Amino acid sequence: MLELTCLNDGGENVANIKSAKKRIKVGARQASENVPVRGSMRTALKKIAKDTNNEELVKDAIKKIDKAASKGIIKKNTAARKKSRLMKKVNSK
């Protein structure tokens, strides 16, 4: 699990309020849930870089980009830019 905490120089939590401590935990959990989605998107894009002729890889990469955008892991315009560059690369070969 990804550990995200607000630390001061001593190394302990800065948060004293119960709700703030909970938000630190919730934020860490949410960040760790984003990791596999972002990682699978990056992996799909790297596979395309090696083999641009495979249509299934292209469809899979676009699907993973859209999934990351719908979950808010990447912004809508970032997803559009990634898909545009991907299709430009595929169509050039």
Protein backbone atom coordinates (compact mmCIF):
# COMPACT_ATOMS: atom_id res chain seq x y z
CA MET A 1 0.00 0.00 0.00
CA LEU A 2 1.21 3.46 -0.82
CA GLU A 3 1.89 5.46 2.33
CA LEU A 4 1.07 9.15 2.01
CA THR A 5 1.22 11.23 5.15
CA CYS A 6 1.73 14.82 6.06
CA LEU A 7 4.91 14.78 8.09
CA ASN A 8 6.78 17.43 9.97
CA ASP A 9 10.54 17.35 10.60
CA GLY A 10 10.12 14.89 13.48
CA GLY A 11 8.46 12.28 11.27
CA GLU A 12 5.06 12.09 12.96
CA ASN A 13 1.68 13.14 11.59
CA VAL A 14 1.01 16.86 11.52
CA ALA A 15 -2.74 16.29 11.68
CA ASN A 16 -4.27 16.52 15.14
CA ILE A 17 -7.93 16.60 14.15
CA LYS A 18 -9.63 13.24 13.70
CA SER A 19 -11.16 14.14 10.33
CA ALA A 20 -7.78 15.33 9.02
CA LYS A 21 -6.17 12.04 10.05
CA LYS A 22 -8.96 10.18 8.27
CA ARG A 23 -8.49 12.27 5.11
CA ILE A 24 -4.79 11.31 5.10
CA LYS A 25 -5.75 7.62 5.25
CA VAL A 26 -8.47 7.99 2.61
CA GLY A 27 -6.13 9.90 0.29
CA ALA A 28 -3.47 7.21 0.63
CA ARG A 29 -6.01 4.48 -0.14
CA GLN A 30 -7.34 6.33 -3.17
CA ALA A 31 -3.84 6.95 -4.49
CA SER A 32 -3.01 3.26 -4.16
CA GLU A 33 -6.19 2.35 -6.07
CA ASN A 34 -5.10 4.60 -8.95
CA VAL A 35 -1.70 2.92 -9.35
CA PRO A 36 -2.81 -0.24 -11.25
CA VAL A 37 -5.04 1.71 -13.66
CA ARG A 38 -2.28 4.19 -14.47
CA GLY A 39 0.28 1.40 -14.73
CA SER A 40 -1.82 -0.68 -17.12
CA MET A 41 -2.38 2.40 -19.29
CA ARG A 42 1.37 3.08 -19.46
CA THR A 43 2.12 -0.57 -20.20
CA ALA A 44 -0.41 -0.59 -23.04
CA LEU A 45 1.20 2.53 -24.53
CA LYS A 46 4.67 0.97 -24.30
CA LYS A 47 3.44 -2.18 -26.06
CA ILE A 48 2.14 -0.01 -28.90
CA ALA A 49 5.55 1.63 -29.24
CA LYS A 50 7.02 -1.80 -30.00
CA ASP A 51 4.27 -3.04 -32.34
CA THR A 52 2.18 -0.35 -34.02
CA ASN A 53 0.58 -2.75 -36.51
CA ASN A 54 -1.42 -4.74 -33.96
CA GLU A 55 -5.02 -3.46 -33.97
CA GLU A 56 -5.96 -5.24 -30.75
CA LEU A 57 -3.15 -3.49 -28.88
CA VAL A 58 -4.36 -0.14 -30.20
CA LYS A 59 -7.95 -0.83 -29.10
CA ASP A 60 -6.74 -2.00 -25.70
CA ALA A 61 -4.60 1.12 -25.23
CA ILE A 62 -7.47 3.44 -26.14
CA LYS A 63 -9.76 1.54 -23.76
CA LYS A 64 -7.26 1.91 -20.92
CA ILE A 65 -6.76 5.62 -21.63
CA ASP A 66 -10.54 6.15 -21.54
CA LYS A 67 -10.82 4.18 -18.30
CA ALA A 68 -8.14 6.30 -16.64
CA ALA A 69 -9.88 9.47 -17.83
CA SER A 70 -13.30 8.33 -16.60
CA LYS A 71 -11.88 7.54 -13.15
CA GLY A 72 -10.24 10.97 -12.99
CA ILE A 73 -6.70 9.60 -12.95
CA ILE A 74 -5.84 11.68 -16.00
CA LYS A 75 -7.71 14.70 -17.28
CA LYS A 76 -10.02 14.58 -20.29
CA ASN A 77 -7.71 16.69 -22.45
CA THR A 78 -4.70 14.58 -21.49
CA ALA A 79 -6.60 11.46 -22.58
CA ALA A 80 -7.52 13.12 -25.88
CA ARG A 81 -3.90 14.15 -26.44
CA LYS A 82 -2.60 10.64 -25.70
CA LYS A 83 -5.14 9.05 -28.05
CA SER A 84 -4.36 11.59 -30.76
CA ARG A 85 -0.62 10.97 -30.55
CA LEU A 86 -1.21 7.23 -30.46
CA MET A 87 -3.34 7.28 -33.62
CA LYS A 88 -0.86 9.60 -35.33
CA LYS A 89 1.91 7.10 -34.59
CA VAL A 90 -0.19 4.13 -35.76
CA ASN A 91 -1.34 5.82 -38.97
CA SER A 92 2.14 7.00 -39.92
CA LYS A 93 3.45 3.44 -40.28
